[in-house]
């Protein structure tokens, strides 16, 4: 069930339902309903969840047993929210990471 996967991934990241709801711009009650199976996330929400947790939508929906879809993301892509331990990485930290990867330039 997708709710079990959402709860497991959220717990692995050690974030609360409230924190996840803020990241996804939904109510905490919506997260609760997803996790308990009283509601299903929309296709847009599934996409946001997959991006946030670094898994494929197929994995969340139960149609793929692989945890990582093998996709890559470019640090220069402004449309991707990069996270560490479930929390968004601040823009200034991403810039610092880019400088390190460029050899300090």
C-alpha atoms as a PDB file:
ATOM      1  CA  UNK A   1       0.000   0.000   0.000  1.00  0.00           C
ATOM      2  CA  UNK A   2       1.290   3.458  -0.913  1.00  0.00           C
ATOM      3  CA  UNK A   3       0.519   4.778   2.574  1.00  0.00           C
ATOM      4  CA  UNK A   4       2.859   2.237   4.156  1.00  0.00           C
ATOM      5  CA  UNK A   5       5.641   3.259   1.778  1.00  0.00           C
ATOM      6  CA  UNK A   6       5.106   6.956   2.475  1.00  0.00           C
ATOM      7  CA  UNK A   7       5.193   6.326   6.241  1.00  0.00           C
ATOM      8  CA  UNK A   8       8.277   4.095   5.989  1.00  0.00           C
ATOM      9  CA  UNK A   9      10.173   6.578   3.814  1.00  0.00           C
ATOM     10  CA  UNK A  10       9.170   9.463   6.087  1.00  0.00           C
ATOM     11  CA  UNK A  11      10.327   7.564   9.165  1.00  0.00           C
ATOM     12  CA  UNK A  12      13.616   6.660   7.468  1.00  0.00           C
ATOM     13  CA  UNK A  13      14.191  10.382   6.928  1.00  0.00           C
ATOM     14  CA  UNK A  14      13.177  11.036  10.537  1.00  0.00           C
ATOM     15  CA  UNK A  15      10.697  13.737   9.646  1.00  0.00           C
ATOM     16  CA  UNK A  16       7.235  14.270  11.072  1.00  0.00           C
ATOM     17  CA  UNK A  17       4.000  14.318   9.158  1.00  0.00           C
ATOM     18  CA  UNK A  18       3.881  18.056   9.801  1.00  0.00           C
ATOM     19  CA  UNK A  19       7.330  18.587   8.281  1.00  0.00           C
ATOM     20  CA  UNK A  20       6.426  16.519   5.218  1.00  0.00           C
ATOM     21  CA  UNK A  21       3.151  18.382   4.827  1.00  0.00           C
ATOM     22  CA  UNK A  22       5.004  21.715   4.771  1.00  0.00           C
ATOM     23  CA  UNK A  23       7.493  20.435   2.187  1.00  0.00           C
ATOM     24  CA  UNK A  24       4.695  19.134  -0.059  1.00  0.00           C
ATOM     25  CA  UNK A  25       2.334  22.068   0.610  1.00  0.00           C
ATOM     26  CA  UNK A  26      -0.510  19.873   1.853  1.00  0.00           C
ATOM     27  CA  UNK A  27      -2.147  19.606   5.257  1.00  0.00           C
ATOM     28  CA  UNK A  28      -0.852  17.290   7.961  1.00  0.00           C
ATOM     29  CA  UNK A  29      -4.273  15.638   7.897  1.00  0.00           C
ATOM     30  CA  UNK A  30      -3.731  14.799   4.223  1.00  0.00           C
ATOM     31  CA  UNK A  31      -0.469  13.018   5.081  1.00  0.00           C
ATOM     32  CA  UNK A  32      -2.311  11.090   7.820  1.00  0.00           C
ATOM     33  CA  UNK A  33      -5.050  10.060   5.380  1.00  0.00           C
ATOM     34  CA  UNK A  34      -2.467   8.871   2.826  1.00  0.00           C
ATOM     35  CA  UNK A  35      -0.565   6.866   5.434  1.00  0.00           C
ATOM     36  CA  UNK A  36      -3.687   5.246   6.870  1.00  0.00           C
ATOM     37  CA  UNK A  37      -5.178   4.459   3.456  1.00  0.00           C
ATOM     38  CA  UNK A  38      -8.199   6.729   3.896  1.00  0.00           C
ATOM     39  CA  UNK A  39      -7.115   8.745   0.841  1.00  0.00           C
ATOM     40  CA  UNK A  40      -4.823   8.295  -2.155  1.00  0.00           C
ATOM     41  CA  UNK A  41      -2.382  10.994  -3.276  1.00  0.00           C
ATOM     42  CA  UNK A  42      -3.028  12.595  -6.649  1.00  0.00           C
ATOM     43  CA  UNK A  43      -0.635  11.887  -9.505  1.00  0.00           C
ATOM     44  CA  UNK A  44       0.993  15.274  -8.869  1.00  0.00           C
ATOM     45  CA  UNK A  45       1.445  14.436  -5.192  1.00  0.00           C
ATOM     46  CA  UNK A  46       2.917  11.030  -6.087  1.00  0.00           C
ATOM     47  CA  UNK A  47       5.416  12.808  -8.329  1.00  0.00           C
ATOM     48  CA  UNK A  48       6.371  15.250  -5.549  1.00  0.00           C
ATOM     49  CA  UNK A  49       6.703  12.396  -3.049  1.00  0.00           C
ATOM     50  CA  UNK A  50       8.874  10.397  -5.451  1.00  0.00           C
ATOM     51  CA  UNK A  51      11.147  13.385  -6.093  1.00  0.00           C
ATOM     52  CA  UNK A  52      11.425  14.213  -2.413  1.00  0.00           C
ATOM     53  CA  UNK A  53      12.226  10.678  -1.317  1.00  0.00           C
ATOM     54  CA  UNK A  54      14.443   9.864  -4.309  1.00  0.00           C
ATOM     55  CA  UNK A  55      12.350   6.919  -5.462  1.00  0.00           C
ATOM     56  CA  UNK A  56      10.335   6.217  -8.571  1.00  0.00           C
ATOM     57  CA  UNK A  57       6.601   6.786  -8.749  1.00  0.00           C
ATOM     58  CA  UNK A  58       6.379   3.112  -9.744  1.00  0.00           C
ATOM     59  CA  UNK A  59       8.015   2.159  -6.448  1.00  0.00           C
ATOM     60  CA  UNK A  60       5.494   4.221  -4.476  1.00  0.00           C
ATOM     61  CA  UNK A  61       2.593   2.787  -6.435  1.00  0.00           C
ATOM     62  CA  UNK A  62       3.859  -0.751  -5.968  1.00  0.00           C
ATOM     63  CA  UNK A  63       4.622  -1.435  -9.617  1.00  0.00           C
ATOM     64  CA  UNK A  64       8.411  -1.455  -9.211  1.00  0.00           C
ATOM     65  CA  UNK A  65      10.411  -3.218  -6.505  1.00  0.00           C
ATOM     66  CA  UNK A  66      13.519  -1.058  -6.985  1.00  0.00           C
ATOM     67  CA  UNK A  67      13.945   1.720  -4.419  1.00  0.00           C
ATOM     68  CA  UNK A  68      15.895   4.075  -6.687  1.00  0.00           C
ATOM     69  CA  UNK A  69      14.865   4.687 -10.271  1.00  0.00           C
ATOM     70  CA  UNK A  70      18.472   5.326 -11.336  1.00  0.00           C
ATOM     71  CA  UNK A  71      17.744   8.868 -12.460  1.00  0.00           C
ATOM     72  CA  UNK A  72      20.193  11.680 -11.997  1.00  0.00           C
ATOM     73  CA  UNK A  73      19.732  15.279 -10.963  1.00  0.00           C
ATOM     74  CA  UNK A  74      21.914  18.248 -11.772  1.00  0.00           C
ATOM     75  CA  UNK A  75      22.736  20.686  -8.968  1.00  0.00           C
ATOM     76  CA  UNK A  76      22.201  23.473 -11.494  1.00  0.00           C
ATOM     77  CA  UNK A  77      18.540  22.503 -11.945  1.00  0.00           C
ATOM     78  CA  UNK A  78      16.542  25.151 -10.076  1.00  0.00           C
ATOM     79  CA  UNK A  79      13.309  23.087 -10.245  1.00  0.00           C
ATOM     80  CA  UNK A  80      14.618  20.274  -8.020  1.00  0.00           C
ATOM     81  CA  UNK A  81      14.461  20.479  -4.241  1.00  0.00           C
ATOM     82  CA  UNK A  82      17.593  18.761  -2.961  1.00  0.00           C
ATOM     83  CA  UNK A  83      17.380  17.281   0.510  1.00  0.00           C
ATOM     84  CA  UNK A  84      19.590  15.746   3.156  1.00  0.00           C
ATOM     85  CA  UNK A  85      18.077  13.493   5.810  1.00  0.00           C
ATOM     86  CA  UNK A  86      14.649  14.598   4.687  1.00  0.00           C
ATOM     87  CA  UNK A  87      15.246  18.316   5.049  1.00  0.00           C
ATOM     88  CA  UNK A  88      15.700  20.719   2.128  1.00  0.00           C
ATOM     89  CA  UNK A  89      19.267  21.895   1.590  1.00  0.00           C
ATOM     90  CA  UNK A  90      19.421  25.708   1.817  1.00  0.00           C
ATOM     91  CA  UNK A  91      20.356  27.548  -1.387  1.00  0.00           C
ATOM     92  CA  UNK A  92      23.566  28.918   0.157  1.00  0.00           C
ATOM     93  CA  UNK A  93      24.684  25.374   1.040  1.00  0.00           C
ATOM     94  CA  UNK A  94      23.974  24.212  -2.508  1.00  0.00           C
ATOM     95  CA  UNK A  95      26.136  27.059  -3.804  1.00  0.00           C
ATOM     96  CA  UNK A  96      28.907  25.982  -1.427  1.00  0.00           C
ATOM     97  CA  UNK A  97      28.622  22.406  -2.706  1.00  0.00           C
ATOM     98  CA  UNK A  98      28.865  23.626  -6.302  1.00  0.00           C
ATOM     99  CA  UNK A  99      32.025  25.599  -5.471  1.00  0.00           C
ATOM    100  CA  UNK A 100      33.589  22.518  -3.888  1.00  0.00           C
ATOM    101  CA  UNK A 101      32.731  20.428  -6.954  1.00  0.00           C
ATOM    102  CA  UNK A 102      34.261  23.081  -9.214  1.00  0.00           C
ATOM    103  CA  UNK A 103      37.487  22.861  -7.224  1.00  0.00           C
ATOM    104  CA  UNK A 104      36.878  25.889  -5.023  1.00  0.00           C
ATOM    105  CA  UNK A 105      36.101  28.308  -7.845  1.00  0.00           C
END
